[in-house]
Amino acid sequence: MDSEQIAVIMKQITTGTIVEIIIVIAIVIGLSWIVEKVLPWIAEKLHSRRRLLILALIPTIRILLFILALIWIVPLIIEPTWQNMIAILSAVGVAVGFALKDYVSSILAGIVAAYELPYRPGDWIEVNGNYGEVKHIGTRVITIVTPDDTVVYIPHLKIWTELIHNANNHTPNLLCVANFYLDPDHNPKQICRILKSVALTSPYTNLAKAIIVLLEDKPWGTHYRIKAYPMDPRQQFQFISDLTARGKQCLRELPVKFANLSTYYDTIQKNN
């Protein structure tokens, strides 16, 4: 694109135009800052679905503010004709495509993510072995906080190449599993009844969702699993700990032994 073409495309930039552009940018930055501070504060006062809905508004509002700023600023500096827009977009696309291939790919993936919604703020996701709650969805990356309070930044580019595991999928319902390993010599119906009672009496249990106790025979004994839902996804670790601790306490009051995997593997090695 030579200087004559640029002169035709670009409008004459005046001091008033520059001031207007700066004001628009400042307003958008200010509104984005307010949204990122106020909406999370409001969300913390709410619970379950309402909290998730408020958090989900944050990236949507930021994208809308960015689009509105572009709609306002572009006509101030460019003659809004089809020929001009095509020429500029072509030039920008080629330059950016070579210089910032991965960055642009992450931005495009972010746009796709905003449409397909594989994750939202408040979702608990796992990407490439990193599990945590989505706290922020930016233009290029998403920010998650792991159970160990570690902040992990994941580029949107990962949605092209990695599996994304969403534990609650935009809802307040997140399935938790507590595991118990018992010696095979016991009454399974009694164990199932006790473990279900443990889940029913937990202060974290969402009683509106089904509670299931599953068992599976293994060579070393019987594997029991309590599958239930906490009231809030953020309670998942306290919930599992509560089920495990009280479940073990109840089982120790019965004439039942816990499986000893080390003894089982030692026996196999001796037989071999």
C-alpha atoms as a PDB file:
ATOM      1  CA  MET A   1       0.000   0.000   0.000  1.00  0.00           C
ATOM      2  CA  ASP A   2       1.767   3.214  -1.198  1.00  0.00           C
ATOM      3  CA  SER A   3       1.510   6.749   0.221  1.00  0.00           C
ATOM      4  CA  GLU A   4      -1.138   7.847  -2.296  1.00  0.00           C
ATOM      5  CA  GLN A   5      -3.437   4.968  -1.351  1.00  0.00           C
ATOM      6  CA  ILE A   6      -2.940   5.735   2.336  1.00  0.00           C
ATOM      7  CA  ALA A   7      -3.793   9.392   1.722  1.00  0.00           C
ATOM      8  CA  VAL A   8      -7.030   8.375   0.029  1.00  0.00           C
ATOM      9  CA  ILE A   9      -8.005   5.945   2.776  1.00  0.00           C
ATOM     10  CA  MET A  10      -7.101   8.048   5.798  1.00  0.00           C
ATOM     11  CA  LYS A  11      -9.076  11.073   6.889  1.00  0.00           C
ATOM     12  CA  GLN A  12      -7.376  14.275   7.906  1.00  0.00           C
ATOM     13  CA  ILE A  13      -6.485  13.870  11.579  1.00  0.00           C
ATOM     14  CA  THR A  14      -7.137  16.979  13.627  1.00  0.00           C
ATOM     15  CA  THR A  15      -6.469  17.798  17.263  1.00  0.00           C
ATOM     16  CA  GLY A  16     -10.155  17.337  17.971  1.00  0.00           C
ATOM     17  CA  THR A  17     -10.059  13.857  16.440  1.00  0.00           C
ATOM     18  CA  ILE A  18      -7.083  12.835  18.582  1.00  0.00           C
ATOM     19  CA  VAL A  19      -8.774  14.150  21.722  1.00  0.00           C
ATOM     20  CA  GLU A  20     -11.977  12.277  20.865  1.00  0.00           C
ATOM     21  CA  ILE A  21     -10.063   9.014  20.313  1.00  0.00           C
ATOM     22  CA  ILE A  22      -8.233   9.391  23.643  1.00  0.00           C
ATOM     23  CA  ILE A  23     -11.522  10.080  25.443  1.00  0.00           C
ATOM     24  CA  VAL A  24     -13.164   6.992  23.892  1.00  0.00           C
ATOM     25  CA  ILE A  25     -10.199   4.775  24.852  1.00  0.00           C
ATOM     26  CA  ALA A  26     -10.157   6.188  28.384  1.00  0.00           C
ATOM     27  CA  ILE A  27     -13.894   5.595  28.789  1.00  0.00           C
ATOM     28  CA  VAL A  28     -13.599   1.978  27.563  1.00  0.00           C
ATOM     29  CA  ILE A  29     -10.639   1.280  29.886  1.00  0.00           C
ATOM     30  CA  GLY A  30     -12.494   2.861  32.798  1.00  0.00           C
ATOM     31  CA  LEU A  31     -15.695   0.915  32.147  1.00  0.00           C
ATOM     32  CA  SER A  32     -13.742  -2.343  31.765  1.00  0.00           C
ATOM     33  CA  TRP A  33     -12.012  -1.715  35.089  1.00  0.00           C
ATOM     34  CA  ILE A  34     -15.344  -1.015  36.784  1.00  0.00           C
ATOM     35  CA  VAL A  35     -16.888  -4.172  35.321  1.00  0.00           C
ATOM     36  CA  GLU A  36     -13.941  -6.347  36.452  1.00  0.00           C
ATOM     37  CA  LYS A  37     -14.136  -4.947  39.992  1.00  0.00           C
ATOM     38  CA  VAL A  38     -17.864  -4.531  40.587  1.00  0.00           C
ATOM     39  CA  LEU A  39     -19.318  -7.716  39.031  1.00  0.00           C
ATOM     40  CA  PRO A  40     -17.007 -10.148  40.931  1.00  0.00           C
ATOM     41  CA  TRP A  41     -17.847  -8.264  44.134  1.00  0.00           C
ATOM     42  CA  ILE A  42     -21.565  -8.669  43.408  1.00  0.00           C
ATOM     43  CA  ALA A  43     -21.057 -12.334  42.464  1.00  0.00           C
ATOM     44  CA  GLU A  44     -19.398 -13.077  45.829  1.00  0.00           C
ATOM     45  CA  LYS A  45     -22.599 -11.963  47.543  1.00  0.00           C
ATOM     46  CA  LEU A  46     -24.642 -14.502  45.582  1.00  0.00           C
ATOM     47  CA  HIS A  47     -24.652 -18.294  45.363  1.00  0.00           C
ATOM     48  CA  SER A  48     -25.014 -21.091  42.847  1.00  0.00           C
ATOM     49  CA  ARG A  49     -26.522 -20.214  39.456  1.00  0.00           C
ATOM     50  CA  ARG A  50     -26.918 -16.479  40.077  1.00  0.00           C
ATOM     51  CA  ARG A  51     -23.237 -16.160  40.974  1.00  0.00           C
ATOM     52  CA  LEU A  52     -22.218 -17.999  37.788  1.00  0.00           C
ATOM     53  CA  LEU A  53     -24.489 -15.842  35.619  1.00  0.00           C
ATOM     54  CA  ILE A  54     -22.979 -12.624  37.011  1.00  0.00           C
ATOM     55  CA  LEU A  55     -19.421 -13.887  36.444  1.00  0.00           C
ATOM     56  CA  ALA A  56     -20.295 -14.975  32.899  1.00  0.00           C
ATOM     57  CA  LEU A  57     -21.248 -11.380  32.034  1.00  0.00           C
ATOM     58  CA  ILE A  58     -17.694 -10.075  32.527  1.00  0.00           C
ATOM     59  CA  PRO A  59     -16.021 -11.276  29.265  1.00  0.00           C
ATOM     60  CA  THR A  60     -19.187 -10.541  27.268  1.00  0.00           C
ATOM     61  CA  ILE A  61     -19.321  -6.927  28.469  1.00  0.00           C
ATOM     62  CA  ARG A  62     -15.579  -6.447  27.812  1.00  0.00           C
ATOM     63  CA  ILE A  63     -15.959  -7.706  24.232  1.00  0.00           C
ATOM     64  CA  LEU A  64     -18.958  -5.411  23.662  1.00  0.00           C
ATOM     65  CA  LEU A  65     -17.007  -2.402  24.977  1.00  0.00           C
ATOM     66  CA  PHE A  66     -14.089  -3.247  22.661  1.00  0.00           C
ATOM     67  CA  ILE A  67     -16.410  -3.554  19.646  1.00  0.00           C
ATOM     68  CA  LEU A  68     -18.181  -0.286  20.459  1.00  0.00           C
ATOM     69  CA  ALA A  69     -14.818   1.493  20.747  1.00  0.00           C
ATOM     70  CA  LEU A  70     -13.775   0.184  17.304  1.00  0.00           C
ATOM     71  CA  ILE A  71     -17.096   1.216  15.781  1.00  0.00           C
ATOM     72  CA  TRP A  72     -16.578   4.706  17.185  1.00  0.00           C
ATOM     73  CA  ILE A  73     -12.864   5.187  16.422  1.00  0.00           C
ATOM     74  CA  VAL A  74     -12.441   3.624  12.957  1.00  0.00           C
ATOM     75  CA  PRO A  75     -14.714   6.117  11.120  1.00  0.00           C
ATOM     76  CA  LEU A  76     -12.770   8.978  12.739  1.00  0.00           C
ATOM     77  CA  ILE A  77      -9.523   8.043  10.985  1.00  0.00           C
ATOM     78  CA  ILE A  78     -10.633   6.084   7.900  1.00  0.00           C
ATOM     79  CA  GLU A  79     -13.027   6.931   5.092  1.00  0.00           C
ATOM     80  CA  PRO A  80     -15.661   4.224   5.632  1.00  0.00           C
ATOM     81  CA  THR A  81     -15.895   2.744   2.135  1.00  0.00           C
ATOM     82  CA  TRP A  82     -15.809  -0.916   1.139  1.00  0.00           C
ATOM     83  CA  GLN A  83     -12.638  -0.496  -0.893  1.00  0.00           C
ATOM     84  CA  ASN A  84     -10.833   1.202   1.987  1.00  0.00           C
ATOM     85  CA  MET A  85     -11.897  -1.360   4.559  1.00  0.00           C
ATOM     86  CA  ILE A  86     -10.867  -4.286   2.345  1.00  0.00           C
ATOM     87  CA  ALA A  87      -7.467  -2.740   1.619  1.00  0.00           C
ATOM     88  CA  ILE A  88      -6.724  -2.033   5.276  1.00  0.00           C
ATOM     89  CA  LEU A  89      -7.923  -5.387   6.533  1.00  0.00           C
ATOM     90  CA  SER A  90      -5.827  -7.171   3.912  1.00  0.00           C
ATOM     91  CA  ALA A  91      -2.674  -5.271   4.825  1.00  0.00           C
ATOM     92  CA  VAL A  92      -3.200  -5.687   8.557  1.00  0.00           C
ATOM     93  CA  GLY A  93      -4.033  -9.365   8.179  1.00  0.00           C
ATOM     94  CA  VAL A  94      -0.845 -10.167   6.270  1.00  0.00           C
ATOM     95  CA  ALA A  95       1.402  -8.238   8.678  1.00  0.00           C
ATOM     96  CA  VAL A  96      -0.150  -9.634  11.811  1.00  0.00           C
ATOM     97  CA  GLY A  97      -0.350 -13.137  10.398  1.00  0.00           C
ATOM     98  CA  PHE A  98       3.420 -13.321   9.953  1.00  0.00           C
ATOM     99  CA  ALA A  99       4.450 -11.470  13.107  1.00  0.00           C
ATOM    100  CA  LEU A 100       1.968 -12.789  15.641  1.00  0.00           C
ATOM    101  CA  LYS A 101       0.779 -16.124  14.342  1.00  0.00           C
ATOM    102  CA  ASP A 102       0.292 -17.842  17.703  1.00  0.00           C
ATOM    103  CA  TYR A 103      -0.985 -14.686  19.384  1.00  0.00           C
ATOM    104  CA  VAL A 104      -3.602 -14.124  16.695  1.00  0.00           C
ATOM    105  CA  SER A 105      -4.526 -17.795  16.801  1.00  0.00           C
ATOM    106  CA  SER A 106      -5.163 -17.466  20.548  1.00  0.00           C
ATOM    107  CA  ILE A 107      -7.297 -14.371  19.965  1.00  0.00           C
ATOM    108  CA  LEU A 108      -9.307 -16.139  17.271  1.00  0.00           C
ATOM    109  CA  ALA A 109      -9.674 -19.116  19.594  1.00  0.00           C
ATOM    110  CA  GLY A 110     -10.910 -16.689  22.249  1.00  0.00           C
ATOM    111  CA  ILE A 111     -13.569 -15.426  19.847  1.00  0.00           C
ATOM    112  CA  VAL A 112     -14.583 -19.012  19.114  1.00  0.00           C
ATOM    113  CA  ALA A 113     -14.654 -19.706  22.864  1.00  0.00           C
ATOM    114  CA  ALA A 114     -16.903 -16.681  23.407  1.00  0.00           C
ATOM    115  CA  TYR A 115     -19.325 -18.202  20.883  1.00  0.00           C
ATOM    116  CA  GLU A 116     -19.083 -21.902  21.784  1.00  0.00           C
ATOM    117  CA  LEU A 117     -18.604 -21.287  25.555  1.00  0.00           C
ATOM    118  CA  PRO A 118     -16.468 -24.336  26.455  1.00  0.00           C
ATOM    119  CA  TYR A 119     -15.749 -22.526  29.727  1.00  0.00           C
ATOM    120  CA  ARG A 120     -17.050 -19.526  31.653  1.00  0.00           C
ATOM    121  CA  PRO A 121     -15.941 -17.757  34.836  1.00  0.00           C
ATOM    122  CA  GLY A 122     -16.941 -19.995  37.727  1.00  0.00           C
ATOM    123  CA  ASP A 123     -16.441 -23.241  35.795  1.00  0.00           C
ATOM    124  CA  TRP A 124     -14.012 -25.865  37.119  1.00  0.00           C
ATOM    125  CA  ILE A 125     -11.949 -27.071  34.175  1.00  0.00           C
ATOM    126  CA  GLU A 126      -8.902 -29.220  33.498  1.00  0.00           C
ATOM    127  CA  VAL A 127      -6.597 -28.425  30.576  1.00  0.00           C
ATOM    128  CA  ASN A 128      -3.376 -30.360  30.007  1.00  0.00           C
ATOM    129  CA  GLY A 129      -3.336 -31.626  33.606  1.00  0.00           C
ATOM    130  CA  ASN A 130      -4.119 -28.241  35.188  1.00  0.00           C
ATOM    131  CA  TYR A 131      -7.364 -28.245  37.202  1.00  0.00           C
ATOM    132  CA  GLY A 132      -8.934 -25.173  38.747  1.00  0.00           C
ATOM    133  CA  GLU A 133     -11.706 -22.583  38.741  1.00  0.00           C
ATOM    134  CA  VAL A 134     -11.926 -20.154  35.824  1.00  0.00           C
ATOM    135  CA  LYS A 135     -11.468 -16.700  37.332  1.00  0.00           C
ATOM    136  CA  HIS A 136     -10.973 -14.534  34.254  1.00  0.00           C
ATOM    137  CA  ILE A 137     -11.368 -14.872  30.492  1.00  0.00           C
ATOM    138  CA  GLY A 138      -9.152 -12.442  28.633  1.00  0.00           C
ATOM    139  CA  THR A 139      -8.681 -11.718  24.977  1.00  0.00           C
ATOM    140  CA  ARG A 140      -5.790 -14.179  24.661  1.00  0.00           C
ATOM    141  CA  VAL A 141      -5.740 -16.322  27.813  1.00  0.00           C
ATOM    142  CA  ILE A 142      -7.973 -17.697  30.525  1.00  0.00           C
ATOM    143  CA  THR A 143      -6.910 -17.516  34.160  1.00  0.00           C
ATOM    144  CA  ILE A 144      -7.632 -20.427  36.485  1.00  0.00           C
ATOM    145  CA  VAL A 145      -6.831 -20.862  40.176  1.00  0.00           C
ATOM    146  CA  THR A 146      -5.913 -24.398  41.244  1.00  0.00           C
ATOM    147  CA  PRO A 147      -6.899 -26.008  44.580  1.00  0.00           C
ATOM    148  CA  ASP A 148      -3.365 -25.143  45.793  1.00  0.00           C
ATOM    149  CA  ASP A 149      -4.127 -21.443  45.129  1.00  0.00           C
ATOM    150  CA  THR A 150      -1.799 -21.360  42.123  1.00  0.00           C
ATOM    151  CA  VAL A 151      -2.751 -19.053  39.269  1.00  0.00           C
ATOM    152  CA  VAL A 152      -2.400 -20.695  35.843  1.00  0.00           C
ATOM    153  CA  TYR A 153      -2.664 -18.780  32.563  1.00  0.00           C
ATOM    154  CA  ILE A 154      -3.862 -20.924  29.656  1.00  0.00           C
ATOM    155  CA  PRO A 155      -3.902 -19.536  26.082  1.00  0.00           C
ATOM    156  CA  HIS A 156      -7.190 -19.934  24.238  1.00  0.00           C
ATOM    157  CA  LEU A 157      -5.029 -21.617  21.590  1.00  0.00           C
ATOM    158  CA  LYS A 158      -5.271 -24.801  23.672  1.00  0.00           C
ATOM    159  CA  ILE A 159      -8.872 -25.345  22.546  1.00  0.00           C
ATOM    160  CA  TRP A 160      -7.470 -26.306  19.110  1.00  0.00           C
ATOM    161  CA  THR A 161      -5.088 -28.966  20.450  1.00  0.00           C
ATOM    162  CA  GLU A 162      -6.088 -30.065  23.975  1.00  0.00           C
ATOM    163  CA  LEU A 163      -9.078 -31.773  25.563  1.00  0.00           C
ATOM    164  CA  ILE A 164     -10.967 -29.449  27.914  1.00  0.00           C
ATOM    165  CA  HIS A 165     -12.634 -31.177  30.861  1.00  0.00           C
ATOM    166  CA  ASN A 166     -15.412 -29.026  32.346  1.00  0.00           C
ATOM    167  CA  ALA A 167     -16.519 -30.451  35.695  1.00  0.00           C
ATOM    168  CA  ASN A 168     -19.684 -28.369  36.198  1.00  0.00           C
ATOM    169  CA  ASN A 169     -20.305 -27.063  32.651  1.00  0.00           C
ATOM    170  CA  HIS A 170     -21.832 -23.641  33.448  1.00  0.00           C
ATOM    171  CA  THR A 171     -24.008 -25.038  36.287  1.00  0.00           C
ATOM    172  CA  PRO A 172     -23.721 -25.167  40.097  1.00  0.00           C
ATOM    173  CA  ASN A 173     -23.699 -28.991  39.876  1.00  0.00           C
ATOM    174  CA  LEU A 174     -20.293 -30.641  40.231  1.00  0.00           C
ATOM    175  CA  LEU A 175     -20.070 -34.393  40.864  1.00  0.00           C
ATOM    176  CA  CYS A 176     -17.705 -35.450  43.646  1.00  0.00           C
ATOM    177  CA  VAL A 177     -16.426 -38.964  44.369  1.00  0.00           C
ATOM    178  CA  ALA A 178     -15.169 -40.353  47.689  1.00  0.00           C
ATOM    179  CA  ASN A 179     -13.328 -43.692  47.484  1.00  0.00           C
ATOM    180  CA  PHE A 180     -13.137 -46.515  50.020  1.00  0.00           C
ATOM    181  CA  TYR A 181     -11.120 -49.734  49.693  1.00  0.00           C
ATOM    182  CA  LEU A 182     -12.260 -52.663  51.833  1.00  0.00           C
ATOM    183  CA  ASP A 183     -11.288 -56.259  52.434  1.00  0.00           C
ATOM    184  CA  PRO A 184     -13.741 -58.508  50.505  1.00  0.00           C
ATOM    185  CA  ASP A 185     -15.118 -60.294  53.610  1.00  0.00           C
ATOM    186  CA  HIS A 186     -18.116 -58.076  54.539  1.00  0.00           C
ATOM    187  CA  ASN A 187     -21.829 -57.415  53.905  1.00  0.00           C
ATOM    188  CA  PRO A 188     -21.975 -55.132  50.821  1.00  0.00           C
ATOM    189  CA  LYS A 189     -25.605 -54.090  51.353  1.00  0.00           C
ATOM    190  CA  GLN A 190     -24.786 -52.862  54.843  1.00  0.00           C
ATOM    191  CA  ILE A 191     -21.751 -50.943  53.601  1.00  0.00           C
ATOM    192  CA  CYS A 192     -23.767 -49.276  50.800  1.00  0.00           C
ATOM    193  CA  ARG A 193     -26.469 -48.277  53.280  1.00  0.00           C
ATOM    194  CA  ILE A 194     -23.943 -46.752  55.691  1.00  0.00           C
ATOM    195  CA  LEU A 195     -22.033 -44.852  52.998  1.00  0.00           C
ATOM    196  CA  LYS A 196     -25.258 -43.431  51.583  1.00  0.00           C
ATOM    197  CA  SER A 197     -26.242 -42.297  55.071  1.00  0.00           C
ATOM    198  CA  VAL A 198     -22.844 -40.590  55.382  1.00  0.00           C
ATOM    199  CA  ALA A 199     -23.549 -38.582  52.201  1.00  0.00           C
ATOM    200  CA  LEU A 200     -27.112 -37.739  53.284  1.00  0.00           C
ATOM    201  CA  THR A 201     -25.928 -36.300  56.594  1.00  0.00           C
ATOM    202  CA  SER A 202     -23.070 -34.197  55.226  1.00  0.00           C
ATOM    203  CA  PRO A 203     -23.615 -30.433  55.676  1.00  0.00           C
ATOM    204  CA  TYR A 204     -22.264 -29.886  52.141  1.00  0.00           C
ATOM    205  CA  THR A 205     -24.581 -32.282  50.291  1.00  0.00           C
ATOM    206  CA  ASN A 206     -27.009 -30.964  47.690  1.00  0.00           C
ATOM    207  CA  LEU A 207     -30.011 -33.125  48.574  1.00  0.00           C
ATOM    208  CA  ALA A 208     -31.795 -32.121  45.360  1.00  0.00           C
ATOM    209  CA  LYS A 209     -29.348 -34.293  43.399  1.00  0.00           C
ATOM    210  CA  ALA A 210     -29.098 -38.078  43.445  1.00  0.00           C
ATOM    211  CA  ILE A 211     -26.653 -39.819  45.787  1.00  0.00           C
ATOM    212  CA  ILE A 212     -25.201 -43.056  44.424  1.00  0.00           C
ATOM    213  CA  VAL A 213     -22.974 -45.655  46.068  1.00  0.00           C
ATOM    214  CA  LEU A 214     -21.166 -47.950  43.622  1.00  0.00           C
ATOM    215  CA  LEU A 215     -19.002 -50.965  44.331  1.00  0.00           C
ATOM    216  CA  GLU A 216     -16.612 -52.985  42.225  1.00  0.00           C
ATOM    217  CA  ASP A 217     -14.784 -56.186  43.085  1.00  0.00           C
ATOM    218  CA  LYS A 218     -11.016 -56.099  42.668  1.00  0.00           C
ATOM    219  CA  PRO A 219      -8.421 -58.858  43.184  1.00  0.00           C
ATOM    220  CA  TRP A 220      -7.361 -57.169  46.453  1.00  0.00           C
ATOM    221  CA  GLY A 221     -10.886 -56.433  47.792  1.00  0.00           C
ATOM    222  CA  THR A 222     -13.872 -54.202  47.069  1.00  0.00           C
ATOM    223  CA  HIS A 223     -13.754 -50.618  45.806  1.00  0.00           C
ATOM    224  CA  TYR A 224     -16.639 -48.397  46.978  1.00  0.00           C
ATOM    225  CA  ARG A 225     -17.433 -44.960  45.577  1.00  0.00           C
ATOM    226  CA  ILE A 226     -19.829 -42.354  46.948  1.00  0.00           C
ATOM    227  CA  LYS A 227     -20.986 -40.123  44.087  1.00  0.00           C
ATOM    228  CA  ALA A 228     -22.799 -36.961  45.219  1.00  0.00           C
ATOM    229  CA  TYR A 229     -23.007 -33.200  44.617  1.00  0.00           C
ATOM    230  CA  PRO A 230     -22.050 -30.357  46.974  1.00  0.00           C
ATOM    231  CA  MET A 231     -24.207 -27.246  47.363  1.00  0.00           C
ATOM    232  CA  ASP A 232     -21.531 -25.127  45.651  1.00  0.00           C
ATOM    233  CA  PRO A 233     -18.685 -26.286  43.345  1.00  0.00           C
ATOM    234  CA  ARG A 234     -16.202 -24.378  45.514  1.00  0.00           C
ATOM    235  CA  GLN A 235     -17.034 -26.772  48.381  1.00  0.00           C
ATOM    236  CA  GLN A 236     -15.922 -29.871  46.459  1.00  0.00           C
ATOM    237  CA  PHE A 237     -12.713 -30.501  48.421  1.00  0.00           C
ATOM    238  CA  GLN A 238     -14.280 -29.910  51.841  1.00  0.00           C
ATOM    239  CA  PHE A 239     -17.130 -32.165  50.717  1.00  0.00           C
ATOM    240  CA  ILE A 240     -14.864 -35.055  49.668  1.00  0.00           C
ATOM    241  CA  SER A 241     -12.811 -34.688  52.864  1.00  0.00           C
ATOM    242  CA  ASP A 242     -15.966 -34.747  54.979  1.00  0.00           C
ATOM    243  CA  LEU A 243     -17.300 -37.854  53.213  1.00  0.00           C
ATOM    244  CA  THR A 244     -13.953 -39.635  53.523  1.00  0.00           C
ATOM    245  CA  ALA A 245     -13.402 -38.823  57.198  1.00  0.00           C
ATOM    246  CA  ARG A 246     -16.914 -39.660  58.385  1.00  0.00           C
ATOM    247  CA  GLY A 247     -17.126 -42.682  56.088  1.00  0.00           C
ATOM    248  CA  LYS A 248     -13.960 -44.161  57.587  1.00  0.00           C
ATOM    249  CA  GLN A 249     -15.197 -43.439  61.096  1.00  0.00           C
ATOM    250  CA  CYS A 250     -18.457 -45.290  60.442  1.00  0.00           C
ATOM    251  CA  LEU A 251     -16.714 -48.221  58.777  1.00  0.00           C
ATOM    252  CA  ARG A 252     -14.278 -48.631  61.686  1.00  0.00           C
ATOM    253  CA  GLU A 253     -17.254 -49.236  63.978  1.00  0.00           C
ATOM    254  CA  LEU A 254     -18.114 -52.355  61.935  1.00  0.00           C
ATOM    255  CA  PRO A 255     -16.389 -55.727  61.836  1.00  0.00           C
ATOM    256  CA  VAL A 256     -14.798 -54.860  58.494  1.00  0.00           C
ATOM    257  CA  LYS A 257     -11.167 -54.452  57.452  1.00  0.00           C
ATOM    258  CA  PHE A 258      -9.726 -51.928  55.000  1.00  0.00           C
ATOM    259  CA  ALA A 259      -7.871 -53.351  52.008  1.00  0.00           C
ATOM    260  CA  ASN A 260      -4.094 -53.447  52.250  1.00  0.00           C
ATOM    261  CA  LEU A 261      -2.756 -52.967  48.745  1.00  0.00           C
ATOM    262  CA  SER A 262       0.872 -53.278  49.786  1.00  0.00           C
ATOM    263  CA  THR A 263       0.204 -56.750  51.224  1.00  0.00           C
ATOM    264  CA  TYR A 264      -1.576 -57.761  48.025  1.00  0.00           C
ATOM    265  CA  TYR A 265       1.302 -56.655  45.778  1.00  0.00           C
ATOM    266  CA  ASP A 266       3.861 -58.300  48.081  1.00  0.00           C
ATOM    267  CA  THR A 267       1.940 -61.586  47.767  1.00  0.00           C
ATOM    268  CA  ILE A 268       1.938 -61.319  43.962  1.00  0.00           C
ATOM    269  CA  GLN A 269       5.692 -60.722  43.887  1.00  0.00           C
ATOM    270  CA  LYS A 270       6.323 -63.723  46.127  1.00  0.00           C
ATOM    271  CA  ASN A 271       4.147 -65.985  43.963  1.00  0.00           C
ATOM    272  CA  ASN A 272       6.016 -64.852  40.858  1.00  0.00           C
END
